[in-house]
Protein backbone atom coordinates (compact mmCIF):
# COMPACT_ATOMS: atom_id res chain seq x y z
CA UNK A 1 117.81 83.45 111.50
CA UNK A 2 119.37 86.66 110.88
CA UNK A 3 118.68 89.68 112.72
CA UNK A 4 116.41 92.32 110.32
CA UNK A 5 119.24 95.04 110.46
CA UNK A 6 121.31 92.41 108.49
CA UNK A 7 118.98 91.24 106.01
CA UNK A 8 119.66 92.21 102.52
CA UNK A 9 115.72 91.33 101.51
CA UNK A 10 112.35 90.90 103.56
CA UNK A 11 108.73 89.34 102.88
CA UNK A 12 107.76 92.68 102.55
CA UNK A 13 109.62 93.56 99.36
CA UNK A 14 107.28 93.13 96.57
CA UNK A 15 104.59 91.57 98.25
CA UNK A 16 102.43 94.38 99.92
CA UNK A 17 99.69 95.53 97.02
CA UNK A 18 96.77 97.18 98.23
CA UNK A 19 95.78 99.16 95.43
CA UNK A 20 92.86 96.91 94.69
CA UNK A 21 90.94 96.81 98.02
CA UNK A 22 88.54 94.39 99.00
CA UNK A 23 86.67 94.31 102.24
CA UNK A 24 86.40 90.82 104.31
CA UNK A 25 82.72 89.61 105.26
CA UNK A 26 81.99 89.65 108.99
CA UNK A 27 82.38 85.91 109.01
CA UNK A 28 85.74 86.24 107.62
CA UNK A 29 87.41 88.52 109.70
CA UNK A 30 86.22 86.88 112.90
CA UNK A 31 87.43 83.66 111.45
CA UNK A 32 90.57 85.69 110.45
CA UNK A 33 91.14 87.06 113.65
CA UNK A 34 90.63 83.73 115.54
CA UNK A 35 93.67 82.06 113.31
CA UNK A 36 95.69 84.63 113.45
CA UNK A 37 95.41 84.59 117.55
CA UNK A 38 96.12 81.14 116.98
CA UNK A 39 99.33 81.32 115.10
CA UNK A 40 100.72 84.07 117.12
CA UNK A 41 99.98 81.83 120.32
CA UNK A 42 101.97 79.08 118.99
CA UNK A 43 104.92 81.34 117.60
CA UNK A 44 105.14 82.52 121.08
CA UNK A 45 104.98 79.16 122.96
CA UNK A 46 107.62 77.42 120.18
CA UNK A 47 110.42 80.38 120.62
CA UNK A 48 113.21 78.97 121.22
CA UNK A 49 116.01 81.35 120.94
CA UNK A 50 115.59 84.83 122.80
CA UNK A 51 115.18 87.76 120.23
CA UNK A 52 116.00 91.25 120.44
CA UNK A 53 112.69 92.38 120.31
CA UNK A 54 109.14 90.85 120.90
CA UNK A 55 108.41 90.42 117.10
CA UNK A 56 105.02 88.28 117.67
CA UNK A 57 103.94 91.31 120.11
CA UNK A 58 105.05 93.26 117.10
CA UNK A 59 102.59 91.68 114.86
CA UNK A 60 99.87 91.73 117.40
CA UNK A 61 100.05 95.24 118.19
CA UNK A 62 99.98 95.96 114.62
CA UNK A 63 96.68 94.15 114.21
CA UNK A 64 95.46 95.78 117.69
CA UNK A 65 96.00 99.31 116.42
CA UNK A 66 94.85 99.25 112.89
CA UNK A 67 92.81 102.77 112.61
CA UNK A 68 90.11 101.39 110.30
CA UNK A 69 88.18 98.43 109.44
CA UNK A 70 89.72 98.14 106.06
CA UNK A 71 93.06 98.79 107.49
CA UNK A 72 92.68 95.84 109.52
CA UNK A 73 91.26 93.49 106.42
CA UNK A 74 94.33 94.69 104.78
CA UNK A 75 96.50 93.49 107.41
CA UNK A 76 94.63 90.26 108.09
CA UNK A 77 94.77 89.32 104.18
CA UNK A 78 98.18 90.10 104.05
CA UNK A 79 99.68 88.09 106.86
CA UNK A 80 97.52 85.08 106.37
CA UNK A 81 98.34 84.73 102.92
CA UNK A 82 101.89 85.39 103.36
CA UNK A 83 102.22 82.97 106.06
CA UNK A 84 101.06 80.35 103.59
CA UNK A 85 103.65 81.95 101.05
CA UNK A 86 101.37 82.74 98.56
CA UNK A 87 100.20 86.07 96.68
CA UNK A 88 97.10 87.79 98.34
CA UNK A 89 94.00 86.92 96.41
CA UNK A 90 90.54 87.85 97.76
CA UNK A 91 88.52 85.09 95.73
CA UNK A 92 90.71 82.49 97.41
CA UNK A 93 90.63 83.84 100.98
CA UNK A 94 88.02 81.80 102.20
CA UNK A 95 89.93 78.56 101.10
CA UNK A 96 93.14 80.31 102.39
CA UNK A 97 91.35 80.15 105.84
CA UNK A 98 89.86 76.76 105.66
CA UNK A 99 93.48 75.53 105.05
CA UNK A 100 94.80 77.73 108.15
CA UNK A 101 92.36 76.55 110.10
CA UNK A 102 93.81 72.74 110.40
CA UNK A 103 97.27 74.53 111.59
CA UNK A 104 97.19 72.58 114.94
CA UNK A 105 97.06 68.87 113.06
CA UNK A 106 99.85 70.01 110.96
CA UNK A 107 103.41 68.41 111.18
CA UNK A 108 106.11 70.35 113.24
CA UNK A 109 108.08 71.29 110.02
CA UNK A 110 105.32 72.81 108.41
CA UNK A 111 104.62 74.76 111.63
CA UNK A 112 108.22 75.97 111.75
CA UNK A 113 107.82 77.08 108.19
CA UNK A 114 104.95 79.29 109.23
CA UNK A 115 106.85 80.40 112.24
CA UNK A 116 109.62 81.86 110.17
CA UNK A 117 107.14 83.41 107.60
CA UNK A 118 105.71 85.35 110.29
CA UNK A 119 108.98 86.34 111.81
CA UNK A 120 110.03 87.65 108.48
CA UNK A 121 107.37 89.81 108.03
CA UNK A 122 107.81 91.28 111.65
CA UNK A 123 111.62 91.95 110.76
CA UNK A 124 110.42 93.19 107.41
CA UNK A 125 108.33 95.85 109.24
CA UNK A 126 111.23 96.91 111.28
CA UNK A 127 113.33 97.03 108.21
CA UNK A 128 111.16 99.06 105.79
CA UNK A 129 108.93 100.84 107.87
CA UNK A 130 109.77 101.39 111.62
CA UNK A 131 113.45 101.67 111.04
CA UNK A 132 114.33 105.54 110.52
CA UNK A 133 115.87 106.48 107.36
CA UNK A 134 118.83 108.54 106.28
CA UNK A 135 117.03 111.80 104.94
CA UNK A 136 118.15 114.60 103.20
CA UNK A 137 117.88 118.40 104.39
CA UNK A 138 114.59 120.30 103.40
CA UNK A 139 113.73 123.70 104.00
CA UNK A 140 110.78 124.33 102.07
CA UNK A 141 108.27 123.80 104.77
CA UNK A 142 110.06 126.14 107.22
CA UNK A 143 108.50 129.29 106.37
CA UNK A 144 104.82 128.39 106.12
CA UNK A 145 105.12 126.02 109.22
CA UNK A 146 106.51 128.96 111.24
CA UNK A 147 103.94 131.31 110.20
CA UNK A 148 101.18 128.55 111.06
CA UNK A 149 102.68 127.69 114.31
CA UNK A 150 103.34 131.27 115.15
CA UNK A 151 107.20 130.69 115.60
CA UNK A 152 106.60 128.84 118.79
CA UNK A 153 107.01 124.80 119.67
CA UNK A 154 103.38 123.18 119.40
CA UNK A 155 104.13 121.27 122.75
CA UNK A 156 106.58 123.57 124.86
CA UNK A 157 105.21 126.64 123.69
CA UNK A 158 108.77 128.25 123.46
CA UNK A 159 109.42 130.92 120.98
CA UNK A 160 112.09 130.43 118.13
CA UNK A 161 115.67 132.03 118.90
CA UNK A 162 116.18 133.07 115.30
CA UNK A 163 113.15 134.99 115.04
CA UNK A 164 113.26 136.49 118.52
CA UNK A 165 116.89 137.82 117.60
CA UNK A 166 115.15 139.43 114.38
CA UNK A 167 112.17 141.01 116.18
CA UNK A 168 114.80 142.54 118.98
CA UNK A 169 117.14 143.99 116.01
CA UNK A 170 113.93 145.59 114.77
CA UNK A 171 111.81 146.62 117.46
CA UNK A 172 114.41 146.23 120.63
CA UNK A 173 112.52 145.76 123.89
CA UNK A 174 109.15 146.85 122.22
CA UNK A 175 109.63 143.34 120.37
CA UNK A 176 106.26 141.21 120.21
CA UNK A 177 105.20 137.66 119.82
CA UNK A 178 102.42 137.16 117.01
CA UNK A 179 99.69 137.60 119.53
CA UNK A 180 101.32 141.16 120.60
CA UNK A 181 102.95 139.84 123.89
CA UNK A 182 105.95 141.41 124.79
CA UNK A 183 109.01 138.64 124.26
CA UNK A 184 110.88 140.36 127.08
CA UNK A 185 108.16 138.71 129.21
CA UNK A 186 108.45 135.21 127.85
CA UNK A 187 108.24 132.68 130.84
CA UNK A 188 111.03 130.73 129.17
CA UNK A 189 113.60 132.07 126.93
CA UNK A 190 113.54 131.69 123.54
CA UNK A 191 115.32 128.37 121.90
CA UNK A 192 115.99 127.07 118.58
CA UNK A 193 112.88 125.15 116.87
CA UNK A 194 112.52 122.94 113.88
CA UNK A 195 110.21 121.97 111.46
CA UNK A 196 109.47 118.02 111.75
CA UNK A 197 107.68 115.95 109.41
CA UNK A 198 104.97 113.77 111.04
CA UNK A 199 105.22 110.87 108.16
CA UNK A 200 109.04 110.96 107.88
CA UNK A 201 110.30 112.63 104.19
CA UNK A 202 112.18 109.55 103.79
CA UNK A 203 109.59 107.61 102.39
CA UNK A 204 109.93 109.70 99.07
CA UNK A 205 112.59 110.78 97.07
CA UNK A 206 111.77 113.62 94.35
CA UNK A 207 113.90 113.53 91.57
CA UNK A 208 115.94 116.71 89.91
CA UNK A 209 113.12 116.91 87.25
CA UNK A 210 110.19 116.91 90.52
CA UNK A 211 109.32 113.42 89.49
CA UNK A 212 108.68 111.00 92.61
CA UNK A 213 111.05 108.12 92.19
CA UNK A 214 109.72 104.88 94.49
CA UNK A 215 112.14 102.35 95.40
CA UNK A 216 110.68 98.96 95.82
CA UNK A 217 111.63 99.45 99.63
CA UNK A 218 109.85 102.65 100.07
CA UNK A 219 106.88 101.35 97.83
CA UNK A 220 106.72 98.69 100.73
CA UNK A 221 106.85 101.56 103.34
CA UNK A 222 104.08 103.57 101.79
CA UNK A 223 101.98 100.53 101.55
CA UNK A 224 102.42 99.70 105.29
CA UNK A 225 100.81 102.61 106.10
CA UNK A 226 97.52 101.43 103.99
CA UNK A 227 97.38 98.72 107.02
CA UNK A 228 96.91 101.29 109.51
CA UNK A 229 94.57 103.74 107.37
CA UNK A 230 93.67 102.63 103.97
CA UNK A 231 94.41 105.32 101.34
CA UNK A 232 96.44 107.57 103.82
CA UNK A 233 99.36 106.99 101.68
CA UNK A 234 97.80 109.26 98.94
CA UNK A 235 97.99 112.33 101.23
CA UNK A 236 101.74 112.03 101.32
CA UNK A 237 102.30 111.12 97.99
CA UNK A 238 105.15 112.56 95.70
CA UNK A 239 105.59 116.39 96.82
CA UNK A 240 102.71 116.23 98.93
CA UNK A 241 104.38 114.78 101.67
CA UNK A 242 106.20 118.19 102.43
CA UNK A 243 102.91 119.99 102.66
CA UNK A 244 102.15 121.81 106.18
CA UNK A 245 99.76 119.29 107.08
CA UNK A 246 102.70 116.48 107.45
CA UNK A 247 104.52 118.97 109.60
CA UNK A 248 104.98 120.63 113.02
CA UNK A 249 107.29 122.99 114.69
CA UNK A 250 109.04 121.76 117.52
CA UNK A 251 112.29 122.36 119.97
CA UNK A 252 115.64 120.44 119.01
CA UNK A 253 114.99 117.98 121.99
CA UNK A 254 111.38 117.63 121.13
CA UNK A 255 111.98 117.03 117.67
CA UNK A 256 114.10 114.12 118.61
CA UNK A 257 111.55 112.72 120.78
CA UNK A 258 108.96 112.58 118.36
CA UNK A 259 110.93 111.34 115.46
CA UNK A 260 112.21 108.43 117.52
CA UNK A 261 108.56 107.67 118.44
CA UNK A 262 108.75 108.88 122.15
CA UNK A 263 106.46 111.32 121.81
CA UNK A 264 103.19 111.31 120.31
CA UNK A 265 99.48 112.99 119.88
CA UNK A 266 96.55 111.49 121.44
CA UNK A 267 92.86 112.56 120.41
CA UNK A 268 90.40 113.39 123.45
CA UNK A 269 88.84 110.34 125.16
CA UNK A 270 85.64 111.13 122.65
CA UNK A 271 87.63 110.70 119.80
CA UNK A 272 87.06 113.62 118.20
CA UNK A 273 89.57 116.06 117.62
CA UNK A 274 87.78 119.41 118.57
CA UNK A 275 89.38 122.24 117.51
CA UNK A 276 92.98 120.25 116.65
CA UNK A 277 93.29 119.91 120.72
CA UNK A 278 95.19 116.68 121.57
CA UNK A 279 96.83 115.29 124.60
CA UNK A 280 100.64 114.55 124.11
CA UNK A 281 101.94 111.70 125.69
CA UNK A 282 105.42 110.23 126.13
CA UNK A 283 106.23 106.38 126.42
CA UNK A 284 109.08 107.13 128.89
CA UNK A 285 109.39 108.44 132.14
CA UNK A 286 112.34 109.84 134.16
CA UNK A 287 113.77 109.80 137.36
CA UNK A 288 114.53 113.65 137.20
CA UNK A 289 112.50 116.79 136.44
CA UNK A 290 111.34 116.96 132.53
CA UNK A 291 110.13 120.24 130.92
CA UNK A 292 107.78 120.08 129.76
CA UNK A 293 105.94 117.42 131.67
CA UNK A 294 103.83 114.79 130.26
CA UNK A 295 100.66 114.35 129.59
CA UNK A 296 99.80 117.93 128.61
CA UNK A 297 96.91 119.11 126.40
CA UNK A 298 97.56 121.47 123.81
CA UNK A 299 95.58 123.15 120.91
CA UNK A 300 97.50 123.20 117.75
CA UNK A 301 97.87 126.75 116.02
CA UNK A 302 96.15 127.94 112.98
CA UNK A 303 96.13 130.69 110.74
CA UNK A 304 93.05 133.26 110.80
CA UNK A 305 92.50 132.52 107.18
CA UNK A 306 92.98 128.92 107.25
CA UNK A 307 95.40 129.34 104.20
CA UNK A 308 97.88 126.85 105.63
CA UNK A 309 97.27 123.75 106.32
CA UNK A 310 96.91 122.41 109.93
CA UNK A 311 98.67 119.14 110.93
CA UNK A 312 96.71 116.06 109.71
CA UNK A 313 94.60 114.35 112.36
CA UNK A 314 94.79 111.23 110.35
CA UNK A 315 98.79 111.25 110.26
CA UNK A 316 99.14 111.98 113.55
CA UNK A 317 96.91 109.05 114.53
CA UNK A 318 99.12 106.93 112.38
CA UNK A 319 102.29 108.14 114.41
CA UNK A 320 100.75 107.41 117.51
CA UNK A 321 99.99 103.86 116.59
CA UNK A 322 103.76 103.30 115.40
CA UNK A 323 104.75 105.20 118.80
CA UNK A 324 102.67 102.63 120.72
CA UNK A 325 103.69 99.32 119.01
CA UNK A 326 107.03 99.91 119.41
CA UNK A 327 107.05 100.62 122.87
CA UNK A 328 104.74 97.99 123.79
CA UNK A 329 106.70 95.16 121.92
CA UNK A 330 110.15 96.22 122.67
CA UNK A 331 111.15 96.98 119.42
CA UNK A 332 111.76 100.75 120.05
CA UNK A 333 114.67 99.58 122.25
CA UNK A 334 115.95 97.16 119.64
CA UNK A 335 116.00 99.94 116.93
CA UNK A 336 118.03 102.16 119.36
CA UNK A 337 120.54 99.54 119.61
CA UNK A 338 120.84 99.07 115.93
CA UNK A 339 121.50 102.96 115.78
CA UNK A 340 124.08 102.71 118.17
CA UNK A 341 125.98 100.11 116.41
CA UNK A 342 125.66 102.04 113.41
CA UNK A 343 127.00 105.23 115.15
CA UNK A 344 130.00 103.14 116.10
CA UNK A 345 130.44 102.04 112.22
CA UNK A 346 130.29 105.80 111.24
CA UNK A 347 133.16 106.64 113.72
CA UNK A 348 136.24 107.45 111.17
CA UNK A 349 139.49 106.61 111.56
CA UNK A 350 140.68 110.07 112.99
CA UNK A 351 138.07 109.54 115.84
CA UNK A 352 135.43 112.02 114.05
CA UNK A 353 131.84 110.81 113.28
CA UNK A 354 129.49 111.82 110.46
CA UNK A 355 127.28 113.57 113.20
CA UNK A 356 124.31 115.04 111.04
CA UNK A 357 123.99 111.86 109.19
CA UNK A 358 123.72 109.94 112.43
CA UNK A 359 121.44 112.31 113.95
CA UNK A 360 119.08 112.23 110.76
CA UNK A 361 118.89 108.43 111.46
CA UNK A 362 118.18 108.29 114.88
CA UNK A 363 115.48 111.40 114.55
CA UNK A 364 113.98 109.62 111.32
CA UNK A 365 112.89 113.34 110.51
CA UNK A 366 114.96 116.12 109.29
CA UNK A 367 115.45 119.71 110.53
CA UNK A 368 114.05 121.96 107.88
């Protein structure tokens, strides 16, 4: 089977539709989980050719990291009906479970067909949701987010180089940060910061007249969000994706690591985001010293009057789920390989390359 990078269409396109929500009964949910476990166990055992990432683990992890019960129901309905090659139908779901319950007695050709369909679903998730997309340069968020985040990276707390120079030119050595502390006393020198989308701007494309244009591919990507947290796609519908609640201020290197799903924000152990405080973790460790050192705890900045929305805890939860899914399934390394291959294709005949395009694709977010 062709790798997802080379597939022109995946089983995600045109089949994901969670506009009409339905909730599984407790028994149907229990049965669906058991059946999915059996299907994935068979796929794991029957895997003949090595794959560039652990696609069975990826599907299991999407199941495990569903943030809400409704999201889990959406995922179970979608994956089990797609395994049979039929459209999701809440009225027939009980019959679908009965049919799939007989999987062990099926002939080998039909089992192989189910395996291929599940593999296509995993490839589709890589293609249309996890693989970063090229984005256009946006700047509308910069002003509001820099004010809210006090011109500092929310993780490293380093001050913005551009703003620091402006204040030094205006106030000299008396220049202060937003809390009244002298900039000359900063523990680390100012650095360039960017505003990063939590959920990438590439999910939406706004036309010249402000009308949101959604391709089938982007529609699929938005609907995948509902497998994590139903209704969350509505938060970033149209131009809402460029609101401050979907953005944070980061240094260039942390923007890259956040956009590539290496760094993520985790709520406290009691699962209640108290005062917008998070534990920030990384999926990678290095033998050399890394600054800042993870994990670390940060309380996000707020404006005194709350006129600028803080980063959404729901969007950060989806970002965290995606980071852990890619890390634990091995799909993150696979995507990195795809992007490296694409870099080679972007190298021009004169030896130069479209650096901005490459970085945007690798980061998955965009400097604004």
